[in-house]
C-alpha cells in the first residue's frame, strides 16, 4: 500500500487506522483524516442517513482550495458537507475527502440534528 502524505502538513506521512471497521488515513501531526470514496459514509453510525444528506456527491458552495489530494496530487476544492458551514476538501479526480480534526464528529452531530 502506498504511503500517503497529509494534504495539510507537507511531507508528513499519514498513519492507516481502522475506525468503526473502515480503514482510513490519519495525520499524526494535525489529526485530520483522509477518506477514500465511500469510506466516510461507511464510518458513520447511520450510513443511510449520511447518504441521503450527502446526495449529489459534491460539496455546497465550492471554491478553489489549497490542499493537494494525497492520491492524485491535484488541488482539491473546498466546500460545505451537509451544510455550507462545515467546510471540507474534496478531490474532483478520485472523489476522496479530507476532514480536519474533529470534523468527522461534527458530521455525526449534524446528521442527528
C-alpha atoms as a PDB file:
ATOM      1  CA  UNK A   1       0.000   0.000   0.000  1.00  0.00           C
ATOM      2  CA  UNK A   2       1.336   3.417  -0.972  1.00  0.00           C
ATOM      3  CA  UNK A   3       2.141   5.768   1.892  1.00  0.00           C
ATOM      4  CA  UNK A   4       0.067   8.960   1.668  1.00  0.00           C
ATOM      5  CA  UNK A   5       1.204  12.410   2.752  1.00  0.00           C
ATOM      6  CA  UNK A   6      -1.139  14.710   4.666  1.00  0.00           C
ATOM      7  CA  UNK A   7      -2.803  17.329   2.423  1.00  0.00           C
ATOM      8  CA  UNK A   8      -2.345  19.984   5.124  1.00  0.00           C
ATOM      9  CA  UNK A   9       1.065  19.078   6.635  1.00  0.00           C
ATOM     10  CA  UNK A  10       3.628  18.924   3.817  1.00  0.00           C
ATOM     11  CA  UNK A  11       5.880  15.842   3.811  1.00  0.00           C
ATOM     12  CA  UNK A  12       4.048  14.335   6.776  1.00  0.00           C
ATOM     13  CA  UNK A  13       3.044  10.719   6.107  1.00  0.00           C
ATOM     14  CA  UNK A  14      -0.338   9.620   7.402  1.00  0.00           C
ATOM     15  CA  UNK A  15      -0.942   6.534   9.525  1.00  0.00           C
ATOM     16  CA  UNK A  16      -3.540   3.998   8.464  1.00  0.00           C
ATOM     17  CA  UNK A  17      -6.012   3.097  11.180  1.00  0.00           C
ATOM     18  CA  UNK A  18      -9.359   1.370  11.433  1.00  0.00           C
ATOM     19  CA  UNK A  19     -12.316   3.450  12.617  1.00  0.00           C
ATOM     20  CA  UNK A  20     -15.669   1.695  13.023  1.00  0.00           C
ATOM     21  CA  UNK A  21     -14.456  -1.106  10.758  1.00  0.00           C
ATOM     22  CA  UNK A  22     -13.257   1.234   7.978  1.00  0.00           C
ATOM     23  CA  UNK A  23      -9.542   1.663   7.153  1.00  0.00           C
ATOM     24  CA  UNK A  24      -8.750   5.381   6.866  1.00  0.00           C
ATOM     25  CA  UNK A  25      -5.624   7.537   6.821  1.00  0.00           C
ATOM     26  CA  UNK A  26      -4.973   9.988   9.661  1.00  0.00           C
ATOM     27  CA  UNK A  27      -2.238  12.594  10.061  1.00  0.00           C
ATOM     28  CA  UNK A  28      -0.340  12.152  13.349  1.00  0.00           C
ATOM     29  CA  UNK A  29       0.561  15.875  13.354  1.00  0.00           C
ATOM     30  CA  UNK A  30      -2.753  17.657  12.748  1.00  0.00           C
ATOM     31  CA  UNK A  31      -5.235  14.829  13.408  1.00  0.00           C
ATOM     32  CA  UNK A  32      -7.052  15.311  10.094  1.00  0.00           C
ATOM     33  CA  UNK A  33      -8.425  12.309   8.229  1.00  0.00           C
ATOM     34  CA  UNK A  34      -8.456  11.254   4.576  1.00  0.00           C
ATOM     35  CA  UNK A  35     -11.474   9.284   3.386  1.00  0.00           C
ATOM     36  CA  UNK A  36     -11.373   7.497   0.042  1.00  0.00           C
ATOM     37  CA  UNK A  37     -14.631   7.494  -1.925  1.00  0.00           C
ATOM     38  CA  UNK A  38     -17.394   5.929   0.199  1.00  0.00           C
ATOM     39  CA  UNK A  39     -15.353   5.492   3.374  1.00  0.00           C
ATOM     40  CA  UNK A  40     -16.847   8.441   5.257  1.00  0.00           C
ATOM     41  CA  UNK A  41     -20.394   7.181   4.782  1.00  0.00           C
ATOM     42  CA  UNK A  42     -19.434   3.661   5.858  1.00  0.00           C
ATOM     43  CA  UNK A  43     -17.817   5.022   9.025  1.00  0.00           C
ATOM     44  CA  UNK A  44     -20.999   6.826  10.146  1.00  0.00           C
ATOM     45  CA  UNK A  45     -23.325   5.270  12.736  1.00  0.00           C
ATOM     46  CA  UNK A  46     -26.181   5.701  10.248  1.00  0.00           C
ATOM     47  CA  UNK A  47     -24.720   5.273   6.725  1.00  0.00           C
ATOM     48  CA  UNK A  48     -28.161   5.587   5.099  1.00  0.00           C
ATOM     49  CA  UNK A  49     -28.802   8.968   6.750  1.00  0.00           C
ATOM     50  CA  UNK A  50     -25.368  10.184   5.653  1.00  0.00           C
ATOM     51  CA  UNK A  51     -26.013   9.020   2.088  1.00  0.00           C
ATOM     52  CA  UNK A  52     -29.330  10.906   1.956  1.00  0.00           C
ATOM     53  CA  UNK A  53     -27.764  14.072   3.432  1.00  0.00           C
ATOM     54  CA  UNK A  54     -24.790  13.990   1.040  1.00  0.00           C
ATOM     55  CA  UNK A  55     -26.760  13.148  -2.126  1.00  0.00           C
ATOM     56  CA  UNK A  56     -25.209  14.536  -5.254  1.00  0.00           C
ATOM     57  CA  UNK A  57     -21.684  13.633  -4.183  1.00  0.00           C
ATOM     58  CA  UNK A  58     -20.426  17.200  -4.302  1.00  0.00           C
ATOM     59  CA  UNK A  59     -19.968  19.987  -1.828  1.00  0.00           C
ATOM     60  CA  UNK A  60     -22.091  23.053  -1.116  1.00  0.00           C
ATOM     61  CA  UNK A  61     -20.801  26.426  -2.345  1.00  0.00           C
ATOM     62  CA  UNK A  62     -17.479  25.060  -3.664  1.00  0.00           C
ATOM     63  CA  UNK A  63     -14.458  27.286  -4.062  1.00  0.00           C
ATOM     64  CA  UNK A  64     -10.851  26.606  -5.035  1.00  0.00           C
ATOM     65  CA  UNK A  65      -8.872  25.090  -2.203  1.00  0.00           C
ATOM     66  CA  UNK A  66      -5.162  24.949  -1.490  1.00  0.00           C
ATOM     67  CA  UNK A  67      -4.748  21.357  -0.266  1.00  0.00           C
ATOM     68  CA  UNK A  68      -3.374  18.718  -2.624  1.00  0.00           C
ATOM     69  CA  UNK A  69      -5.014  15.318  -2.951  1.00  0.00           C
ATOM     70  CA  UNK A  70      -2.717  12.667  -1.460  1.00  0.00           C
ATOM     71  CA  UNK A  71      -3.614  10.255  -4.290  1.00  0.00           C
ATOM     72  CA  UNK A  72      -3.856  12.469  -7.395  1.00  0.00           C
ATOM     73  CA  UNK A  73      -1.682  15.414  -6.294  1.00  0.00           C
ATOM     74  CA  UNK A  74      -4.377  17.722  -7.763  1.00  0.00           C
ATOM     75  CA  UNK A  75      -5.604  20.807  -5.931  1.00  0.00           C
ATOM     76  CA  UNK A  76      -8.864  19.988  -4.196  1.00  0.00           C
ATOM     77  CA  UNK A  77     -11.969  22.140  -3.913  1.00  0.00           C
ATOM     78  CA  UNK A  78     -13.285  23.353  -0.572  1.00  0.00           C
ATOM     79  CA  UNK A  79     -16.988  23.338   0.218  1.00  0.00           C
ATOM     80  CA  UNK A  80     -19.715  22.531   2.680  1.00  0.00           C
ATOM     81  CA  UNK A  81     -20.644  18.986   3.598  1.00  0.00           C
ATOM     82  CA  UNK A  82     -24.275  18.519   4.706  1.00  0.00           C
ATOM     83  CA  UNK A  83     -24.431  22.288   5.314  1.00  0.00           C
ATOM     84  CA  UNK A  84     -22.402  25.188   3.980  1.00  0.00           C
ATOM     85  CA  UNK A  85     -20.607  25.869   7.283  1.00  0.00           C
ATOM     86  CA  UNK A  86     -18.851  22.502   7.667  1.00  0.00           C
ATOM     87  CA  UNK A  87     -16.090  23.056   5.084  1.00  0.00           C
ATOM     88  CA  UNK A  88     -14.209  20.015   3.764  1.00  0.00           C
ATOM     89  CA  UNK A  89     -11.742  19.425   0.928  1.00  0.00           C
ATOM     90  CA  UNK A  90     -12.888  17.239  -1.974  1.00  0.00           C
ATOM     91  CA  UNK A  91     -10.785  15.845  -4.809  1.00  0.00           C
ATOM     92  CA  UNK A  92     -12.661  16.119  -8.078  1.00  0.00           C
ATOM     93  CA  UNK A  93     -10.478  13.362  -9.557  1.00  0.00           C
ATOM     94  CA  UNK A  94     -10.688  10.409  -7.157  1.00  0.00           C
ATOM     95  CA  UNK A  95     -13.593  11.856  -5.076  1.00  0.00           C
ATOM     96  CA  UNK A  96     -11.644  11.391  -1.833  1.00  0.00           C
ATOM     97  CA  UNK A  97     -12.350  13.780   1.026  1.00  0.00           C
ATOM     98  CA  UNK A  98     -10.232  15.470   3.700  1.00  0.00           C
ATOM     99  CA  UNK A  99     -11.728  16.410   7.055  1.00  0.00           C
ATOM    100  CA  UNK A 100      -9.787  18.412   9.614  1.00  0.00           C
ATOM    101  CA  UNK A 101      -9.553  17.134  13.186  1.00  0.00           C
ATOM    102  CA  UNK A 102     -12.975  16.878  14.879  1.00  0.00           C
ATOM    103  CA  UNK A 103     -14.945  17.462  11.651  1.00  0.00           C
ATOM    104  CA  UNK A 104     -15.905  13.780  11.447  1.00  0.00           C
ATOM    105  CA  UNK A 105     -17.656  14.181  14.806  1.00  0.00           C
ATOM    106  CA  UNK A 106     -19.409  17.304  13.543  1.00  0.00           C
ATOM    107  CA  UNK A 107     -20.765  15.345  10.564  1.00  0.00           C
ATOM    108  CA  UNK A 108     -22.274  12.832  13.006  1.00  0.00           C
ATOM    109  CA  UNK A 109     -23.847  15.573  15.130  1.00  0.00           C
ATOM    110  CA  UNK A 110     -25.303  17.334  12.079  1.00  0.00           C
ATOM    111  CA  UNK A 111     -26.906  14.092  10.971  1.00  0.00           C
ATOM    112  CA  UNK A 112     -28.586  13.692  14.365  1.00  0.00           C
ATOM    113  CA  UNK A 113     -29.963  17.246  14.350  1.00  0.00           C
END
